[in-house]
Amino acid sequence: DVVSTAWYAKYVDDVTAKELMGGSNGKFDPNGNMNRAMLVTVLYRMAGSPDVEGKVSEVFADCKDGSYYADAVLWASQNNIVSGRGESAFAPLATMTRQEMAVILYNYSVFKGAAEVTEPELAYADAESVASWALAAVDYCTDAKLMNGVTDTTFDPAGSANRAMGATVLVRLMEAAA
């Protein structure tokens, strides 16, 4: 289901070849929603799938111990890469917004040694729509060329992140680290 001429084909090929992302039943589903558990799991794999201590269910009540994402979410929480949606919920299967994706990518980058953004400046026409908790992350992801606007002038912070976008930003993240 990934046409070789699609803008995201190279990125999907890269993440599947590196076994960072997969599909099911021979399909990648590029337009399918990217959820929070998927992104965190790929970042965990990129970090070498380090051992974790504890149970994810003790941190986030809506995460299941033993699930494919359990160790990844626990690791990401312990390393300040993710926080929950509310006090004890992570919403692992919830569709991620573009600004949530930016925050997770930014926090991972800081975890890996990137400098924190202290005075974010966004040139997008919809910059006022970016949540205050995501300003630094959107600024970082834009400047680092991990994420682009949906147009030349808009970011669409509340828009949904799909799997093609996820594959693209993950390859860009790996290339930036190389």
C-alpha atoms as a PDB file:
ATOM      1  CA  ASP A   1       0.000   0.000   0.000  1.00  0.00           C
ATOM      2  CA  VAL A   2       3.044   2.298  -0.304  1.00  0.00           C
ATOM      3  CA  VAL A   3       3.424   3.492  -3.877  1.00  0.00           C
ATOM      4  CA  SER A   4       7.069   3.998  -4.831  1.00  0.00           C
ATOM      5  CA  THR A   5       6.360   7.538  -6.041  1.00  0.00           C
ATOM      6  CA  ALA A   6       4.679   8.682  -2.814  1.00  0.00           C
ATOM      7  CA  TRP A   7       6.486  11.499  -0.976  1.00  0.00           C
ATOM      8  CA  TYR A   8       6.888   9.248   2.072  1.00  0.00           C
ATOM      9  CA  ALA A   9       8.004   6.033   0.294  1.00  0.00           C
ATOM     10  CA  LYS A  10      11.724   6.472   1.070  1.00  0.00           C
ATOM     11  CA  TYR A  11      10.976   7.083   4.744  1.00  0.00           C
ATOM     12  CA  VAL A  12       8.680   4.068   5.026  1.00  0.00           C
ATOM     13  CA  ASP A  13      11.314   1.914   3.315  1.00  0.00           C
ATOM     14  CA  ASP A  14      13.944   3.147   5.794  1.00  0.00           C
ATOM     15  CA  VAL A  15      11.937   2.515   8.978  1.00  0.00           C
ATOM     16  CA  THR A  16      10.721  -0.875   7.837  1.00  0.00           C
ATOM     17  CA  ALA A  17      14.213  -1.969   6.714  1.00  0.00           C
ATOM     18  CA  LYS A  18      15.565  -0.991  10.140  1.00  0.00           C
ATOM     19  CA  GLU A  19      12.622  -2.814  11.766  1.00  0.00           C
ATOM     20  CA  LEU A  20      11.628   0.316  13.652  1.00  0.00           C
ATOM     21  CA  MET A  21       8.096   0.334  12.273  1.00  0.00           C
ATOM     22  CA  GLY A  22       6.128  -2.414  10.661  1.00  0.00           C
ATOM     23  CA  GLY A  23       2.703  -3.009   9.310  1.00  0.00           C
ATOM     24  CA  SER A  24       0.222  -5.794   9.389  1.00  0.00           C
ATOM     25  CA  ASN A  25      -1.000  -8.188   6.740  1.00  0.00           C
ATOM     26  CA  GLY A  26       1.613  -6.889   4.299  1.00  0.00           C
ATOM     27  CA  LYS A  27       0.424  -3.293   4.559  1.00  0.00           C
ATOM     28  CA  PHE A  28       2.039  -0.251   6.160  1.00  0.00           C
ATOM     29  CA  ASP A  29      -1.126   1.899   6.283  1.00  0.00           C
ATOM     30  CA  PRO A  30       0.615   5.244   5.660  1.00  0.00           C
ATOM     31  CA  ASN A  31      -2.566   7.268   6.126  1.00  0.00           C
ATOM     32  CA  GLY A  32      -3.519   5.445   9.311  1.00  0.00           C
ATOM     33  CA  ASN A  33      -3.291   7.307  12.582  1.00  0.00           C
ATOM     34  CA  MET A  34      -0.007   7.326  14.475  1.00  0.00           C
ATOM     35  CA  ASN A  35      -0.731   6.787  18.129  1.00  0.00           C
ATOM     36  CA  ARG A  36       1.318   7.697  21.179  1.00  0.00           C
ATOM     37  CA  ALA A  37       2.372   4.105  21.899  1.00  0.00           C
ATOM     38  CA  MET A  38       3.687   3.643  18.349  1.00  0.00           C
ATOM     39  CA  LEU A  39       5.938   6.696  18.433  1.00  0.00           C
ATOM     40  CA  VAL A  40       7.310   5.957  21.892  1.00  0.00           C
ATOM     41  CA  THR A  41       7.970   2.327  20.942  1.00  0.00           C
ATOM     42  CA  VAL A  42      10.011   3.363  17.904  1.00  0.00           C
ATOM     43  CA  LEU A  43      12.052   5.849  19.970  1.00  0.00           C
ATOM     44  CA  TYR A  44      12.668   3.109  22.535  1.00  0.00           C
ATOM     45  CA  ARG A  45      13.927   0.824  19.757  1.00  0.00           C
ATOM     46  CA  MET A  46      16.157   3.628  18.443  1.00  0.00           C
ATOM     47  CA  ALA A  47      17.636   3.916  21.951  1.00  0.00           C
ATOM     48  CA  GLY A  48      18.507   0.210  21.919  1.00  0.00           C
ATOM     49  CA  SER A  49      15.514  -1.068  23.920  1.00  0.00           C
ATOM     50  CA  PRO A  50      17.189  -0.578  27.310  1.00  0.00           C
ATOM     51  CA  ASP A  51      16.101  -2.589  30.339  1.00  0.00           C
ATOM     52  CA  VAL A  52      13.484  -0.947  32.548  1.00  0.00           C
ATOM     53  CA  GLU A  53      12.464  -1.461  36.140  1.00  0.00           C
ATOM     54  CA  GLY A  54       8.877  -1.346  37.310  1.00  0.00           C
ATOM     55  CA  LYS A  55       5.420  -1.736  35.854  1.00  0.00           C
ATOM     56  CA  VAL A  56       3.907   0.694  33.396  1.00  0.00           C
ATOM     57  CA  SER A  57       0.472   0.170  34.993  1.00  0.00           C
ATOM     58  CA  GLU A  58       1.807   1.695  38.209  1.00  0.00           C
ATOM     59  CA  VAL A  59       2.679   4.899  36.322  1.00  0.00           C
ATOM     60  CA  PHE A  60      -0.238   5.049  33.880  1.00  0.00           C
ATOM     61  CA  ALA A  61      -3.455   3.282  34.827  1.00  0.00           C
ATOM     62  CA  ASP A  62      -4.529   2.942  31.187  1.00  0.00           C
ATOM     63  CA  CYS A  63      -1.376   1.074  30.083  1.00  0.00           C
ATOM     64  CA  LYS A  64      -1.248  -2.711  30.200  1.00  0.00           C
ATOM     65  CA  ASP A  65       1.783  -4.541  31.572  1.00  0.00           C
ATOM     66  CA  GLY A  66       3.145  -6.945  28.971  1.00  0.00           C
ATOM     67  CA  SER A  67       1.734  -4.992  26.028  1.00  0.00           C
ATOM     68  CA  TYR A  68       3.977  -4.268  23.041  1.00  0.00           C
ATOM     69  CA  TYR A  69       4.452  -0.712  24.272  1.00  0.00           C
ATOM     70  CA  ALA A  70       4.759  -1.331  28.052  1.00  0.00           C
ATOM     71  CA  ASP A  71       8.554  -1.145  28.393  1.00  0.00           C
ATOM     72  CA  ALA A  72       8.761   1.708  25.881  1.00  0.00           C
ATOM     73  CA  VAL A  73       6.228   3.891  27.696  1.00  0.00           C
ATOM     74  CA  LEU A  74       7.822   3.141  31.069  1.00  0.00           C
ATOM     75  CA  TRP A  75      11.303   3.975  29.710  1.00  0.00           C
ATOM     76  CA  ALA A  76      10.047   7.172  28.068  1.00  0.00           C
ATOM     77  CA  SER A  77       8.310   8.258  31.266  1.00  0.00           C
ATOM     78  CA  GLN A  78      11.370   7.539  33.407  1.00  0.00           C
ATOM     79  CA  ASN A  79      13.526   9.621  31.033  1.00  0.00           C
ATOM     80  CA  ASN A  80      11.143  12.609  30.794  1.00  0.00           C
ATOM     81  CA  ILE A  81      10.379  11.943  27.154  1.00  0.00           C
ATOM     82  CA  VAL A  82       6.642  11.615  27.782  1.00  0.00           C
ATOM     83  CA  SER A  83       4.122  12.581  30.347  1.00  0.00           C
ATOM     84  CA  GLY A  84       0.528  11.581  30.544  1.00  0.00           C
ATOM     85  CA  ARG A  85      -2.725  13.102  29.545  1.00  0.00           C
ATOM     86  CA  GLY A  86      -3.903  14.011  32.985  1.00  0.00           C
ATOM     87  CA  GLU A  87      -2.649  12.634  36.262  1.00  0.00           C
ATOM     88  CA  SER A  88      -2.413   8.884  35.575  1.00  0.00           C
ATOM     89  CA  ALA A  89      -3.454   8.333  31.944  1.00  0.00           C
ATOM     90  CA  PHE A  90      -1.117   8.009  28.987  1.00  0.00           C
ATOM     91  CA  ALA A  91      -3.733   7.269  26.294  1.00  0.00           C
ATOM     92  CA  PRO A  92      -1.420   4.862  24.452  1.00  0.00           C
ATOM     93  CA  LEU A  93      -3.775   4.167  21.573  1.00  0.00           C
ATOM     94  CA  ALA A  94      -5.047   7.725  21.157  1.00  0.00           C
ATOM     95  CA  THR A  95      -4.273   9.433  17.885  1.00  0.00           C
ATOM     96  CA  MET A  96      -1.438  11.858  18.384  1.00  0.00           C
ATOM     97  CA  THR A  97      -1.724  15.492  17.418  1.00  0.00           C
ATOM     98  CA  ARG A  98       1.081  17.185  15.531  1.00  0.00           C
ATOM     99  CA  GLN A  99       2.018  19.240  18.586  1.00  0.00           C
ATOM    100  CA  GLU A 100       2.112  16.106  20.763  1.00  0.00           C
ATOM    101  CA  MET A 101       4.412  14.485  18.221  1.00  0.00           C
ATOM    102  CA  ALA A 102       6.635  17.573  18.333  1.00  0.00           C
ATOM    103  CA  VAL A 103       6.811  17.439  22.145  1.00  0.00           C
ATOM    104  CA  ILE A 104       7.805  13.775  22.215  1.00  0.00           C
ATOM    105  CA  LEU A 105      10.442  14.275  19.494  1.00  0.00           C
ATOM    106  CA  TYR A 106      11.789  17.361  21.273  1.00  0.00           C
ATOM    107  CA  ASN A 107      11.965  15.614  24.650  1.00  0.00           C
ATOM    108  CA  TYR A 108      13.750  12.654  23.043  1.00  0.00           C
ATOM    109  CA  SER A 109      16.209  15.021  21.382  1.00  0.00           C
ATOM    110  CA  VAL A 110      16.912  16.769  24.699  1.00  0.00           C
ATOM    111  CA  PHE A 111      17.348  13.343  26.313  1.00  0.00           C
ATOM    112  CA  LYS A 112      19.938  12.570  23.607  1.00  0.00           C
ATOM    113  CA  GLY A 113      21.790  15.854  24.275  1.00  0.00           C
ATOM    114  CA  ALA A 114      20.094  18.589  22.231  1.00  0.00           C
ATOM    115  CA  ALA A 115      19.971  22.052  23.770  1.00  0.00           C
ATOM    116  CA  GLU A 116      16.655  23.139  25.224  1.00  0.00           C
ATOM    117  CA  VAL A 117      14.728  25.936  23.536  1.00  0.00           C
ATOM    118  CA  THR A 118      14.383  28.803  26.010  1.00  0.00           C
ATOM    119  CA  GLU A 119      12.726  31.481  23.874  1.00  0.00           C
ATOM    120  CA  PRO A 120      10.557  29.869  21.218  1.00  0.00           C
ATOM    121  CA  GLU A 121       9.699  31.907  18.146  1.00  0.00           C
ATOM    122  CA  LEU A 122       7.223  30.577  15.642  1.00  0.00           C
ATOM    123  CA  ALA A 123       6.600  32.178  12.262  1.00  0.00           C
ATOM    124  CA  TYR A 124       3.486  30.138  11.466  1.00  0.00           C
ATOM    125  CA  ALA A 125       0.269  32.079  10.855  1.00  0.00           C
ATOM    126  CA  ASP A 126      -1.442  29.718  13.317  1.00  0.00           C
ATOM    127  CA  ALA A 127       1.274  30.014  15.996  1.00  0.00           C
ATOM    128  CA  GLU A 128      -1.291  31.265  18.509  1.00  0.00           C
ATOM    129  CA  SER A 129      -3.030  27.888  18.165  1.00  0.00           C
ATOM    130  CA  VAL A 130       0.031  26.008  19.442  1.00  0.00           C
ATOM    131  CA  ALA A 131      -0.464  25.097  23.109  1.00  0.00           C
ATOM    132  CA  SER A 132       1.909  26.797  25.531  1.00  0.00           C
ATOM    133  CA  TRP A 133       3.299  23.384  26.573  1.00  0.00           C
ATOM    134  CA  ALA A 134       4.248  22.683  22.938  1.00  0.00           C
ATOM    135  CA  LEU A 135       5.781  26.021  21.854  1.00  0.00           C
ATOM    136  CA  ALA A 136       9.421  25.081  22.493  1.00  0.00           C
ATOM    137  CA  ALA A 137       8.911  21.667  20.903  1.00  0.00           C
ATOM    138  CA  VAL A 138       7.303  23.004  17.723  1.00  0.00           C
ATOM    139  CA  ASP A 139      10.063  25.615  17.463  1.00  0.00           C
ATOM    140  CA  TYR A 140      12.749  22.944  17.904  1.00  0.00           C
ATOM    141  CA  CYS A 141      11.192  20.469  15.458  1.00  0.00           C
ATOM    142  CA  THR A 142      10.762  23.201  12.845  1.00  0.00           C
ATOM    143  CA  ASP A 143      14.304  24.565  13.235  1.00  0.00           C
ATOM    144  CA  ALA A 144      15.818  21.063  13.262  1.00  0.00           C
ATOM    145  CA  LYS A 145      13.785  20.252  10.128  1.00  0.00           C
ATOM    146  CA  LEU A 146      12.178  17.253  11.796  1.00  0.00           C
ATOM    147  CA  MET A 147       8.688  18.580  11.068  1.00  0.00           C
ATOM    148  CA  ASN A 148       7.320  21.006   8.495  1.00  0.00           C
ATOM    149  CA  GLY A 149       4.123  22.973   8.458  1.00  0.00           C
ATOM    150  CA  VAL A 150       1.152  21.475   6.657  1.00  0.00           C
ATOM    151  CA  THR A 151       1.510  24.487   4.362  1.00  0.00           C
ATOM    152  CA  ASP A 152       4.281  27.052   4.033  1.00  0.00           C
ATOM    153  CA  THR A 153       2.517  29.234   6.597  1.00  0.00           C
ATOM    154  CA  THR A 154       0.592  26.915   8.935  1.00  0.00           C
ATOM    155  CA  PHE A 155       1.621  24.197  11.383  1.00  0.00           C
ATOM    156  CA  ASP A 156      -1.833  22.792  12.286  1.00  0.00           C
ATOM    157  CA  PRO A 157      -0.913  21.854  15.865  1.00  0.00           C
ATOM    158  CA  ALA A 158      -4.170  20.019  16.608  1.00  0.00           C
ATOM    159  CA  GLY A 159      -4.082  18.074  13.336  1.00  0.00           C
ATOM    160  CA  SER A 160      -3.631  14.315  13.493  1.00  0.00           C
ATOM    161  CA  ALA A 161      -0.271  12.676  12.945  1.00  0.00           C
ATOM    162  CA  ASN A 162      -0.368   9.737  10.532  1.00  0.00           C
ATOM    163  CA  ARG A 163       2.012   6.820  10.033  1.00  0.00           C
ATOM    164  CA  ALA A 164       3.644   8.303   6.906  1.00  0.00           C
ATOM    165  CA  MET A 165       4.433  11.434   8.910  1.00  0.00           C
ATOM    166  CA  GLY A 166       5.748   9.277  11.748  1.00  0.00           C
ATOM    167  CA  ALA A 167       8.092   7.390   9.425  1.00  0.00           C
ATOM    168  CA  THR A 168       9.292  10.676   7.938  1.00  0.00           C
ATOM    169  CA  VAL A 169      10.113  12.420  11.218  1.00  0.00           C
ATOM    170  CA  LEU A 170      11.813   9.325  12.608  1.00  0.00           C
ATOM    171  CA  VAL A 171      14.140   9.045   9.611  1.00  0.00           C
ATOM    172  CA  ARG A 172      14.879  12.770   9.865  1.00  0.00           C
ATOM    173  CA  LEU A 173      15.620  12.314  13.568  1.00  0.00           C
ATOM    174  CA  MET A 174      18.050   9.473  12.821  1.00  0.00           C
ATOM    175  CA  GLU A 175      19.718  11.500  10.066  1.00  0.00           C
ATOM    176  CA  ALA A 176      20.117  14.507  12.383  1.00  0.00           C
ATOM    177  CA  ALA A 177      21.760  12.294  15.015  1.00  0.00           C
ATOM    178  CA  ALA A 178      24.197  10.758  12.511  1.00  0.00           C
END
